[in-house]
Amino acid sequence: MSHVSEIRVGLATCGIAAGAEPVYSAFEKELAATNASVKLKRVGCIGMCYNEPLVDVVYQDGKLSTYGHVRVEDVTRIVEKHAVGGQPIQDLLVATDGFFDKQVRIVLENCGLIDPESLDEYRAHAGYEALRIALTEMTPQQVIEKVTASGLRGRG
């Protein structure tokens, strides 16, 4: 049984431009062929566009290994040796130490973690919660006061 639970492929504009779509397709085929019980997920950009295509291999405890500049030719090795065999591919790993240290992600906190095309995943991460509260628990005046106090300025 694999200790890897999920493989995430960055499929934002930067990833697509760098060739992430064929990489994602190769993972679909390889995972199906090996019958690995590993979820394959499309995710948005994490900000390391210079390393695209990026692939995160996520362990059951939530820790992950990040691969950069992944090519279709690398997919079999990643699945067989890492996802199934439990051995990270050292020559493909990218260092993420320090990259996120000074970042405070608010609006983009789930970017790279959830499928940007899945409303179910968005809702599971408290998506639309503020809207629900505004519609069901607040008066129109309270909504106006909350938005005014937030400092939002309608800059699109």
C-alpha atoms as a PDB file:
ATOM      1  CA  MET A   1       0.000   0.000   0.000  1.00  0.00           C
ATOM      2  CA  SER A   2       1.326   3.423  -0.969  1.00  0.00           C
ATOM      3  CA  HIS A   3       1.948   6.085   1.644  1.00  0.00           C
ATOM      4  CA  VAL A   4       1.316   8.650  -1.103  1.00  0.00           C
ATOM      5  CA  SER A   5      -2.285   9.835  -1.207  1.00  0.00           C
ATOM      6  CA  GLU A   6      -2.306  12.441  -3.955  1.00  0.00           C
ATOM      7  CA  ILE A   7      -0.408  13.816  -6.926  1.00  0.00           C
ATOM      8  CA  ARG A   8      -1.059  17.460  -7.803  1.00  0.00           C
ATOM      9  CA  VAL A   9      -0.170  18.899 -11.192  1.00  0.00           C
ATOM     10  CA  GLY A  10      -0.070  22.687 -11.570  1.00  0.00           C
ATOM     11  CA  LEU A  11      -2.332  23.564 -14.479  1.00  0.00           C
ATOM     12  CA  ALA A  12      -2.495  27.342 -14.323  1.00  0.00           C
ATOM     13  CA  THR A  13      -1.420  29.369 -17.356  1.00  0.00           C
ATOM     14  CA  CYS A  14       2.274  29.091 -16.485  1.00  0.00           C
ATOM     15  CA  GLY A  15       2.084  25.318 -16.094  1.00  0.00           C
ATOM     16  CA  ILE A  16       0.113  24.858 -19.299  1.00  0.00           C
ATOM     17  CA  ALA A  17       2.596  27.037 -21.211  1.00  0.00           C
ATOM     18  CA  ALA A  18       5.438  24.870 -19.891  1.00  0.00           C
ATOM     19  CA  GLY A  19       3.766  21.589 -20.931  1.00  0.00           C
ATOM     20  CA  ALA A  20       1.772  20.499 -17.871  1.00  0.00           C
ATOM     21  CA  GLU A  21      -1.245  19.203 -19.821  1.00  0.00           C
ATOM     22  CA  PRO A  22       0.620  16.289 -21.452  1.00  0.00           C
ATOM     23  CA  VAL A  23       2.287  15.615 -18.083  1.00  0.00           C
ATOM     24  CA  TYR A  24      -1.144  15.412 -16.416  1.00  0.00           C
ATOM     25  CA  SER A  25      -2.376  13.051 -19.157  1.00  0.00           C
ATOM     26  CA  ALA A  26       0.693  10.864 -18.683  1.00  0.00           C
ATOM     27  CA  PHE A  27      -0.030  10.650 -14.945  1.00  0.00           C
ATOM     28  CA  GLU A  28      -3.631   9.619 -15.708  1.00  0.00           C
ATOM     29  CA  LYS A  29      -2.416   6.774 -17.929  1.00  0.00           C
ATOM     30  CA  GLU A  30       0.403   5.672 -15.640  1.00  0.00           C
ATOM     31  CA  LEU A  31      -1.722   5.651 -12.481  1.00  0.00           C
ATOM     32  CA  ALA A  32      -4.443   3.679 -14.265  1.00  0.00           C
ATOM     33  CA  ALA A  33      -1.886   1.166 -15.547  1.00  0.00           C
ATOM     34  CA  THR A  34      -0.368   0.587 -12.104  1.00  0.00           C
ATOM     35  CA  ASN A  35      -3.715   0.529 -10.267  1.00  0.00           C
ATOM     36  CA  ALA A  36      -2.181   2.833  -7.674  1.00  0.00           C
ATOM     37  CA  SER A  37      -4.723   4.176  -5.203  1.00  0.00           C
ATOM     38  CA  VAL A  38      -3.384   7.702  -5.572  1.00  0.00           C
ATOM     39  CA  LYS A  39      -5.670  10.621  -6.379  1.00  0.00           C
ATOM     40  CA  LEU A  40      -4.584  12.799  -9.313  1.00  0.00           C
ATOM     41  CA  LYS A  41      -5.572  16.441  -8.995  1.00  0.00           C
ATOM     42  CA  ARG A  42      -5.357  19.600 -11.115  1.00  0.00           C
ATOM     43  CA  VAL A  43      -4.313  22.613  -9.064  1.00  0.00           C
ATOM     44  CA  GLY A  44      -3.532  26.280  -9.621  1.00  0.00           C
ATOM     45  CA  CYS A  45      -0.184  28.039  -9.553  1.00  0.00           C
ATOM     46  CA  ILE A  46       1.803  28.140  -6.306  1.00  0.00           C
ATOM     47  CA  GLY A  47       4.003  30.988  -7.548  1.00  0.00           C
ATOM     48  CA  MET A  48       7.084  29.024  -8.601  1.00  0.00           C
ATOM     49  CA  CYS A  49       6.393  29.563 -12.300  1.00  0.00           C
ATOM     50  CA  TYR A  50      10.105  29.300 -13.121  1.00  0.00           C
ATOM     51  CA  ASN A  51       9.993  25.579 -12.183  1.00  0.00           C
ATOM     52  CA  GLU A  52       6.921  24.606 -14.217  1.00  0.00           C
ATOM     53  CA  PRO A  53       5.599  22.056 -14.865  1.00  0.00           C
ATOM     54  CA  LEU A  54       5.385  21.481 -11.119  1.00  0.00           C
ATOM     55  CA  VAL A  55       4.137  18.278  -9.533  1.00  0.00           C
ATOM     56  CA  ASP A  56       3.516  17.747  -5.826  1.00  0.00           C
ATOM     57  CA  VAL A  57       3.513  14.222  -4.437  1.00  0.00           C
ATOM     58  CA  VAL A  58       1.476  14.395  -1.233  1.00  0.00           C
ATOM     59  CA  TYR A  59       1.841  11.914   1.610  1.00  0.00           C
ATOM     60  CA  GLN A  60      -1.020  10.717   3.777  1.00  0.00           C
ATOM     61  CA  ASP A  61       0.244  12.919   6.628  1.00  0.00           C
ATOM     62  CA  GLY A  62      -0.012  16.029   4.412  1.00  0.00           C
ATOM     63  CA  LYS A  63       3.717  16.487   3.806  1.00  0.00           C
ATOM     64  CA  LEU A  64       4.800  16.720   0.206  1.00  0.00           C
ATOM     65  CA  SER A  65       7.664  16.516  -2.239  1.00  0.00           C
ATOM     66  CA  THR A  66       7.746  18.973  -5.121  1.00  0.00           C
ATOM     67  CA  TYR A  67       9.129  18.108  -8.538  1.00  0.00           C
ATOM     68  CA  GLY A  68      10.021  20.784 -11.076  1.00  0.00           C
ATOM     69  CA  HIS A  69      10.459  20.901 -14.835  1.00  0.00           C
ATOM     70  CA  VAL A  70       8.608  17.578 -15.035  1.00  0.00           C
ATOM     71  CA  ARG A  71       8.440  16.045 -18.498  1.00  0.00           C
ATOM     72  CA  VAL A  72       6.226  13.282 -19.806  1.00  0.00           C
ATOM     73  CA  GLU A  73       9.311  11.034 -19.759  1.00  0.00           C
ATOM     74  CA  ASP A  74       9.617  11.538 -15.971  1.00  0.00           C
ATOM     75  CA  VAL A  75       6.100  10.405 -15.092  1.00  0.00           C
ATOM     76  CA  THR A  76       6.672   6.635 -15.083  1.00  0.00           C
ATOM     77  CA  ARG A  77       9.654   7.050 -12.770  1.00  0.00           C
ATOM     78  CA  ILE A  78       7.715   9.313 -10.390  1.00  0.00           C
ATOM     79  CA  VAL A  79       4.779   6.906 -10.209  1.00  0.00           C
ATOM     80  CA  GLU A  80       6.769   3.662  -9.964  1.00  0.00           C
ATOM     81  CA  LYS A  81       9.596   4.787  -7.701  1.00  0.00           C
ATOM     82  CA  HIS A  82       7.870   7.435  -5.581  1.00  0.00           C
ATOM     83  CA  ALA A  83       4.083   7.085  -5.591  1.00  0.00           C
ATOM     84  CA  VAL A  84       4.195   3.289  -5.480  1.00  0.00           C
ATOM     85  CA  GLY A  85       7.725   2.580  -4.220  1.00  0.00           C
ATOM     86  CA  GLY A  86       8.019   5.389  -1.690  1.00  0.00           C
ATOM     87  CA  GLN A  87      11.391   6.651  -2.940  1.00  0.00           C
ATOM     88  CA  PRO A  88      11.546  10.306  -4.061  1.00  0.00           C
ATOM     89  CA  ILE A  89      13.433  11.014  -7.294  1.00  0.00           C
ATOM     90  CA  GLN A  90      16.235  13.251  -6.021  1.00  0.00           C
ATOM     91  CA  ASP A  91      17.298  14.708  -9.385  1.00  0.00           C
ATOM     92  CA  LEU A  92      13.785  16.067 -10.058  1.00  0.00           C
ATOM     93  CA  LEU A  93      13.033  17.534  -6.616  1.00  0.00           C
ATOM     94  CA  VAL A  94      12.997  21.317  -6.259  1.00  0.00           C
ATOM     95  CA  ALA A  95      13.802  23.136  -3.045  1.00  0.00           C
ATOM     96  CA  THR A  96      10.816  24.989  -1.632  1.00  0.00           C
ATOM     97  CA  ASP A  97      12.554  25.841   1.655  1.00  0.00           C
ATOM     98  CA  GLY A  98      12.314  29.559   2.193  1.00  0.00           C
ATOM     99  CA  PHE A  99      10.071  30.249  -0.803  1.00  0.00           C
ATOM    100  CA  PHE A 100       6.889  30.463   1.263  1.00  0.00           C
ATOM    101  CA  ASP A 101       8.435  31.625   4.566  1.00  0.00           C
ATOM    102  CA  LYS A 102       7.612  35.336   4.275  1.00  0.00           C
ATOM    103  CA  GLN A 103       4.361  34.901   2.382  1.00  0.00           C
ATOM    104  CA  VAL A 104       0.997  35.434   4.019  1.00  0.00           C
ATOM    105  CA  ARG A 105      -1.555  34.002   1.650  1.00  0.00           C
ATOM    106  CA  ILE A 106      -5.073  35.245   2.186  1.00  0.00           C
ATOM    107  CA  VAL A 107      -7.020  35.249  -1.066  1.00  0.00           C
ATOM    108  CA  LEU A 108      -4.756  32.601  -2.608  1.00  0.00           C
ATOM    109  CA  GLU A 109      -4.363  30.426   0.497  1.00  0.00           C
ATOM    110  CA  ASN A 110      -5.793  27.357  -1.274  1.00  0.00           C
ATOM    111  CA  CYS A 111      -3.996  27.900  -4.572  1.00  0.00           C
ATOM    112  CA  GLY A 112      -1.998  24.809  -5.399  1.00  0.00           C
ATOM    113  CA  LEU A 113      -4.007  22.756  -2.899  1.00  0.00           C
ATOM    114  CA  ILE A 114      -7.492  22.475  -4.373  1.00  0.00           C
ATOM    115  CA  ASP A 115      -8.836  21.968  -7.875  1.00  0.00           C
ATOM    116  CA  PRO A 116      -9.765  25.467  -9.098  1.00  0.00           C
ATOM    117  CA  GLU A 117     -12.577  23.983 -11.189  1.00  0.00           C
ATOM    118  CA  SER A 118     -14.229  22.117  -8.297  1.00  0.00           C
ATOM    119  CA  LEU A 119     -16.951  23.942  -6.381  1.00  0.00           C
ATOM    120  CA  ASP A 120     -17.178  20.986  -3.997  1.00  0.00           C
ATOM    121  CA  GLU A 121     -13.515  21.370  -3.009  1.00  0.00           C
ATOM    122  CA  TYR A 122     -13.949  25.140  -2.678  1.00  0.00           C
ATOM    123  CA  ARG A 123     -16.940  24.672  -0.385  1.00  0.00           C
ATOM    124  CA  ALA A 124     -15.048  22.054   1.641  1.00  0.00           C
ATOM    125  CA  HIS A 125     -12.454  24.770   2.377  1.00  0.00           C
ATOM    126  CA  ALA A 126     -15.078  27.282   3.599  1.00  0.00           C
ATOM    127  CA  GLY A 127     -15.687  28.774   0.168  1.00  0.00           C
ATOM    128  CA  TYR A 128     -18.817  30.944   0.059  1.00  0.00           C
ATOM    129  CA  GLU A 129     -19.003  30.922   3.870  1.00  0.00           C
ATOM    130  CA  ALA A 130     -18.937  34.730   4.078  1.00  0.00           C
ATOM    131  CA  LEU A 131     -21.665  34.917   1.439  1.00  0.00           C
ATOM    132  CA  ARG A 132     -23.780  32.423   3.382  1.00  0.00           C
ATOM    133  CA  ILE A 133     -23.395  34.482   6.548  1.00  0.00           C
ATOM    134  CA  ALA A 134     -24.200  37.733   4.725  1.00  0.00           C
ATOM    135  CA  LEU A 135     -27.351  36.238   3.215  1.00  0.00           C
ATOM    136  CA  THR A 136     -28.646  34.331   6.227  1.00  0.00           C
ATOM    137  CA  GLU A 137     -27.335  35.976   9.394  1.00  0.00           C
ATOM    138  CA  MET A 138     -26.805  39.664   8.633  1.00  0.00           C
ATOM    139  CA  THR A 139     -29.038  42.593   7.819  1.00  0.00           C
ATOM    140  CA  PRO A 140     -28.258  44.676   4.728  1.00  0.00           C
ATOM    141  CA  GLN A 141     -26.957  47.447   7.003  1.00  0.00           C
ATOM    142  CA  GLN A 142     -24.613  45.005   8.781  1.00  0.00           C
ATOM    143  CA  VAL A 143     -23.258  43.862   5.404  1.00  0.00           C
ATOM    144  CA  ILE A 144     -22.573  47.477   4.398  1.00  0.00           C
ATOM    145  CA  GLU A 145     -20.844  48.156   7.720  1.00  0.00           C
ATOM    146  CA  LYS A 146     -18.720  45.010   7.423  1.00  0.00           C
ATOM    147  CA  VAL A 147     -17.603  45.822   3.865  1.00  0.00           C
ATOM    148  CA  THR A 148     -16.873  49.440   4.805  1.00  0.00           C
ATOM    149  CA  ALA A 149     -14.841  48.358   7.845  1.00  0.00           C
ATOM    150  CA  SER A 150     -12.871  45.848   5.741  1.00  0.00           C
ATOM    151  CA  GLY A 151     -11.359  48.567   3.575  1.00  0.00           C
ATOM    152  CA  LEU A 152     -12.314  46.848   0.311  1.00  0.00           C
ATOM    153  CA  ARG A 153     -12.268  49.415  -2.457  1.00  0.00           C
ATOM    154  CA  GLY A 154     -13.783  47.820  -5.564  1.00  0.00           C
ATOM    155  CA  ARG A 155     -10.626  47.682  -7.624  1.00  0.00           C
ATOM    156  CA  GLY A 156     -11.796  44.559  -9.428  1.00  0.00           C
END
